[in-house]
Amino acid sequence: MECNVIQTDQAPSAIGPYSQGIAVGSWLFVSGQLGMHPQTGELVSPDFALQARQALENLRQIVLAAGCDINRVTAVDVFVTDMGNFAEFNEIYTEYFSEHRPARAVVEVRALPKDAKVEIKCIAYRGLI
């Protein structure tokens, strides 16, 4: 099965030796997205909510670049540095996933790259339903 690298300038470039996303057959795997501005590669703000919205937008842009739609996301993994932001994250998350609700995990971690407060990755199904 062929692996296709997904790359878009509508999301930040990878900050390490990995791709923004990989499409394999009917599946899309999107790497963890921080709340970084696509053009500058810097965090949009120290504010959790602004980082969360930008991380979700970055994820959405990679999904779109793969010829997919956010409603095809099947699983989302979220890493936060403070579980105290859980309720706020849920509010922001429903701006992207309201009717469609993928499987999801939210895990508190000690630290994230660039001292980010949130990182989000996903898997999407690109095949026929």
C-alpha atoms as a PDB file:
ATOM      1  CA  MET A   1       0.000   0.000   0.000  1.00  0.00           C
ATOM      2  CA  GLU A   2       1.330   3.412  -0.947  1.00  0.00           C
ATOM      3  CA  CYS A   3       1.910   6.151   1.636  1.00  0.00           C
ATOM      4  CA  ASN A   4       1.287   9.716   0.494  1.00  0.00           C
ATOM      5  CA  VAL A   5       2.698  12.676   2.385  1.00  0.00           C
ATOM      6  CA  ILE A   6       0.153  15.412   3.027  1.00  0.00           C
ATOM      7  CA  GLN A   7       1.599  18.915   3.121  1.00  0.00           C
ATOM      8  CA  THR A   8      -0.135  22.292   3.131  1.00  0.00           C
ATOM      9  CA  ASP A   9       1.035  25.842   3.764  1.00  0.00           C
ATOM     10  CA  GLN A  10      -2.320  26.426   5.500  1.00  0.00           C
ATOM     11  CA  ALA A  11      -0.870  24.665   8.565  1.00  0.00           C
ATOM     12  CA  PRO A  12       2.556  25.071  10.183  1.00  0.00           C
ATOM     13  CA  SER A  13       5.452  23.049   8.854  1.00  0.00           C
ATOM     14  CA  ALA A  14       6.550  20.117  10.965  1.00  0.00           C
ATOM     15  CA  ILE A  15       9.035  21.143  13.656  1.00  0.00           C
ATOM     16  CA  GLY A  16      10.798  17.784  13.557  1.00  0.00           C
ATOM     17  CA  PRO A  17      11.450  14.792  11.319  1.00  0.00           C
ATOM     18  CA  TYR A  18       7.816  13.980  10.546  1.00  0.00           C
ATOM     19  CA  SER A  19       5.043  14.907   8.095  1.00  0.00           C
ATOM     20  CA  GLN A  20       1.935  16.991   8.712  1.00  0.00           C
ATOM     21  CA  GLY A  21      -0.055  13.989   7.615  1.00  0.00           C
ATOM     22  CA  ILE A  22       0.193  10.616   5.902  1.00  0.00           C
ATOM     23  CA  ALA A  23      -2.516   9.072   3.737  1.00  0.00           C
ATOM     24  CA  VAL A  24      -2.452   5.293   3.408  1.00  0.00           C
ATOM     25  CA  GLY A  25      -5.252   3.743   1.403  1.00  0.00           C
ATOM     26  CA  SER A  26      -8.522   4.974   2.851  1.00  0.00           C
ATOM     27  CA  TRP A  27      -6.945   6.334   6.022  1.00  0.00           C
ATOM     28  CA  LEU A  28      -5.414   9.679   6.936  1.00  0.00           C
ATOM     29  CA  PHE A  29      -3.147  10.095   9.954  1.00  0.00           C
ATOM     30  CA  VAL A  30      -2.579  13.702  11.026  1.00  0.00           C
ATOM     31  CA  SER A  31       0.417  14.482  13.231  1.00  0.00           C
ATOM     32  CA  GLY A  32      -0.005  16.386  16.472  1.00  0.00           C
ATOM     33  CA  GLN A  33      -0.835  20.037  15.863  1.00  0.00           C
ATOM     34  CA  LEU A  34       0.091  22.845  18.205  1.00  0.00           C
ATOM     35  CA  GLY A  35      -1.538  26.264  18.262  1.00  0.00           C
ATOM     36  CA  MET A  36       1.098  27.660  15.906  1.00  0.00           C
ATOM     37  CA  HIS A  37       0.506  30.256  13.218  1.00  0.00           C
ATOM     38  CA  PRO A  38       0.962  28.619   9.780  1.00  0.00           C
ATOM     39  CA  GLN A  39       3.210  31.352   8.408  1.00  0.00           C
ATOM     40  CA  THR A  40       5.382  32.211  11.408  1.00  0.00           C
ATOM     41  CA  GLY A  41       5.614  28.787  13.055  1.00  0.00           C
ATOM     42  CA  GLU A  42       5.212  30.476  16.446  1.00  0.00           C
ATOM     43  CA  LEU A  43       2.479  29.931  18.996  1.00  0.00           C
ATOM     44  CA  VAL A  44      -0.411  32.316  18.337  1.00  0.00           C
ATOM     45  CA  SER A  45      -0.634  33.313  22.004  1.00  0.00           C
ATOM     46  CA  PRO A  46       0.178  32.087  25.503  1.00  0.00           C
ATOM     47  CA  ASP A  47      -3.625  31.832  25.982  1.00  0.00           C
ATOM     48  CA  PHE A  48      -4.981  28.252  26.116  1.00  0.00           C
ATOM     49  CA  ALA A  49      -8.192  29.012  24.186  1.00  0.00           C
ATOM     50  CA  LEU A  50      -6.382  30.723  21.310  1.00  0.00           C
ATOM     51  CA  GLN A  51      -3.869  27.872  21.088  1.00  0.00           C
ATOM     52  CA  ALA A  52      -6.666  25.277  21.113  1.00  0.00           C
ATOM     53  CA  ARG A  53      -8.603  27.007  18.318  1.00  0.00           C
ATOM     54  CA  GLN A  54      -5.469  27.351  16.198  1.00  0.00           C
ATOM     55  CA  ALA A  55      -4.459  23.724  16.775  1.00  0.00           C
ATOM     56  CA  LEU A  56      -7.929  22.583  15.668  1.00  0.00           C
ATOM     57  CA  GLU A  57      -7.787  24.872  12.639  1.00  0.00           C
ATOM     58  CA  ASN A  58      -4.348  23.522  11.693  1.00  0.00           C
ATOM     59  CA  LEU A  59      -5.686  19.985  11.983  1.00  0.00           C
ATOM     60  CA  ARG A  60      -8.708  20.907   9.834  1.00  0.00           C
ATOM     61  CA  GLN A  61      -6.496  22.404   7.128  1.00  0.00           C
ATOM     62  CA  ILE A  62      -4.404  19.230   6.881  1.00  0.00           C
ATOM     63  CA  VAL A  63      -7.549  17.101   6.674  1.00  0.00           C
ATOM     64  CA  LEU A  64      -8.822  19.350   3.859  1.00  0.00           C
ATOM     65  CA  ALA A  65      -5.458  19.210   2.058  1.00  0.00           C
ATOM     66  CA  ALA A  66      -5.823  15.426   1.996  1.00  0.00           C
ATOM     67  CA  GLY A  67      -9.102  15.790   0.102  1.00  0.00           C
ATOM     68  CA  CYS A  68     -11.063  14.841   3.166  1.00  0.00           C
ATOM     69  CA  ASP A  69     -13.579  16.568   5.408  1.00  0.00           C
ATOM     70  CA  ILE A  70     -13.586  17.185   9.160  1.00  0.00           C
ATOM     71  CA  ASN A  71     -16.747  15.036   9.369  1.00  0.00           C
ATOM     72  CA  ARG A  72     -14.623  12.045   8.300  1.00  0.00           C
ATOM     73  CA  VAL A  73     -12.418  12.259  11.401  1.00  0.00           C
ATOM     74  CA  THR A  74     -12.821   9.009  13.329  1.00  0.00           C
ATOM     75  CA  ALA A  75     -10.518   9.519  16.320  1.00  0.00           C
ATOM     76  CA  VAL A  76      -8.947  12.518  18.050  1.00  0.00           C
ATOM     77  CA  ASP A  77      -6.188  12.487  20.665  1.00  0.00           C
ATOM     78  CA  VAL A  78      -5.694  15.639  22.725  1.00  0.00           C
ATOM     79  CA  PHE A  79      -2.757  16.389  24.994  1.00  0.00           C
ATOM     80  CA  VAL A  80      -3.051  19.249  27.492  1.00  0.00           C
ATOM     81  CA  THR A  81      -0.617  20.514  30.091  1.00  0.00           C
ATOM     82  CA  ASP A  82      -3.421  21.377  32.516  1.00  0.00           C
ATOM     83  CA  MET A  83      -6.567  19.270  32.865  1.00  0.00           C
ATOM     84  CA  GLY A  84      -8.125  22.363  34.425  1.00  0.00           C
ATOM     85  CA  ASN A  85      -8.674  23.497  30.819  1.00  0.00           C
ATOM     86  CA  PHE A  86     -10.845  20.452  30.027  1.00  0.00           C
ATOM     87  CA  ALA A  87     -14.244  22.218  30.163  1.00  0.00           C
ATOM     88  CA  GLU A  88     -12.964  25.180  28.131  1.00  0.00           C
ATOM     89  CA  PHE A  89     -11.488  22.795  25.567  1.00  0.00           C
ATOM     90  CA  ASN A  90     -14.816  20.980  25.215  1.00  0.00           C
ATOM     91  CA  GLU A  91     -16.534  24.283  24.370  1.00  0.00           C
ATOM     92  CA  ILE A  92     -13.942  25.103  21.712  1.00  0.00           C
ATOM     93  CA  TYR A  93     -13.934  21.525  20.381  1.00  0.00           C
ATOM     94  CA  THR A  94     -17.676  21.671  19.671  1.00  0.00           C
ATOM     95  CA  GLU A  95     -17.031  24.588  17.296  1.00  0.00           C
ATOM     96  CA  TYR A  96     -15.344  21.989  15.045  1.00  0.00           C
ATOM     97  CA  PHE A  97     -17.130  18.799  16.087  1.00  0.00           C
ATOM     98  CA  SER A  98     -20.740  19.492  17.008  1.00  0.00           C
ATOM     99  CA  GLU A  99     -22.997  16.952  15.263  1.00  0.00           C
ATOM    100  CA  HIS A 100     -20.167  14.621  14.275  1.00  0.00           C
ATOM    101  CA  ARG A 101     -18.398  13.307  17.380  1.00  0.00           C
ATOM    102  CA  PRO A 102     -15.296  11.184  16.768  1.00  0.00           C
ATOM    103  CA  ALA A 103     -13.862   8.859  19.390  1.00  0.00           C
ATOM    104  CA  ARG A 104     -11.583  10.968  21.602  1.00  0.00           C
ATOM    105  CA  ALA A 105      -9.066  10.897  24.404  1.00  0.00           C
ATOM    106  CA  VAL A 106      -7.784  13.865  26.419  1.00  0.00           C
ATOM    107  CA  VAL A 107      -4.593  13.276  28.373  1.00  0.00           C
ATOM    108  CA  GLU A 108      -2.698  15.611  30.669  1.00  0.00           C
ATOM    109  CA  VAL A 109       1.027  15.691  29.963  1.00  0.00           C
ATOM    110  CA  ARG A 110       3.910  17.349  31.718  1.00  0.00           C
ATOM    111  CA  ALA A 111       5.119  19.403  28.748  1.00  0.00           C
ATOM    112  CA  LEU A 112       4.686  19.898  25.003  1.00  0.00           C
ATOM    113  CA  PRO A 113       7.041  21.239  22.307  1.00  0.00           C
ATOM    114  CA  LYS A 114       7.485  25.023  22.276  1.00  0.00           C
ATOM    115  CA  ASP A 115       5.888  25.140  25.753  1.00  0.00           C
ATOM    116  CA  ALA A 116       2.485  24.785  24.080  1.00  0.00           C
ATOM    117  CA  LYS A 117      -0.567  24.173  26.245  1.00  0.00           C
ATOM    118  CA  VAL A 118      -2.360  21.791  23.856  1.00  0.00           C
ATOM    119  CA  GLU A 119      -1.543  19.387  21.015  1.00  0.00           C
ATOM    120  CA  ILE A 120      -4.134  17.586  18.879  1.00  0.00           C
ATOM    121  CA  LYS A 121      -3.810  14.697  16.409  1.00  0.00           C
ATOM    122  CA  CYS A 122      -6.390  12.687  14.523  1.00  0.00           C
ATOM    123  CA  ILE A 123      -7.225   9.814  12.204  1.00  0.00           C
ATOM    124  CA  ALA A 124      -9.734  10.282   9.379  1.00  0.00           C
ATOM    125  CA  TYR A 125     -11.381   7.877   6.956  1.00  0.00           C
ATOM    126  CA  ARG A 126     -11.091   8.923   3.313  1.00  0.00           C
ATOM    127  CA  GLY A 127     -12.773   5.899   1.724  1.00  0.00           C
ATOM    128  CA  LEU A 128     -16.311   5.287   0.631  1.00  0.00           C
ATOM    129  CA  ILE A 129     -18.947   5.062   3.301  1.00  0.00           C
END
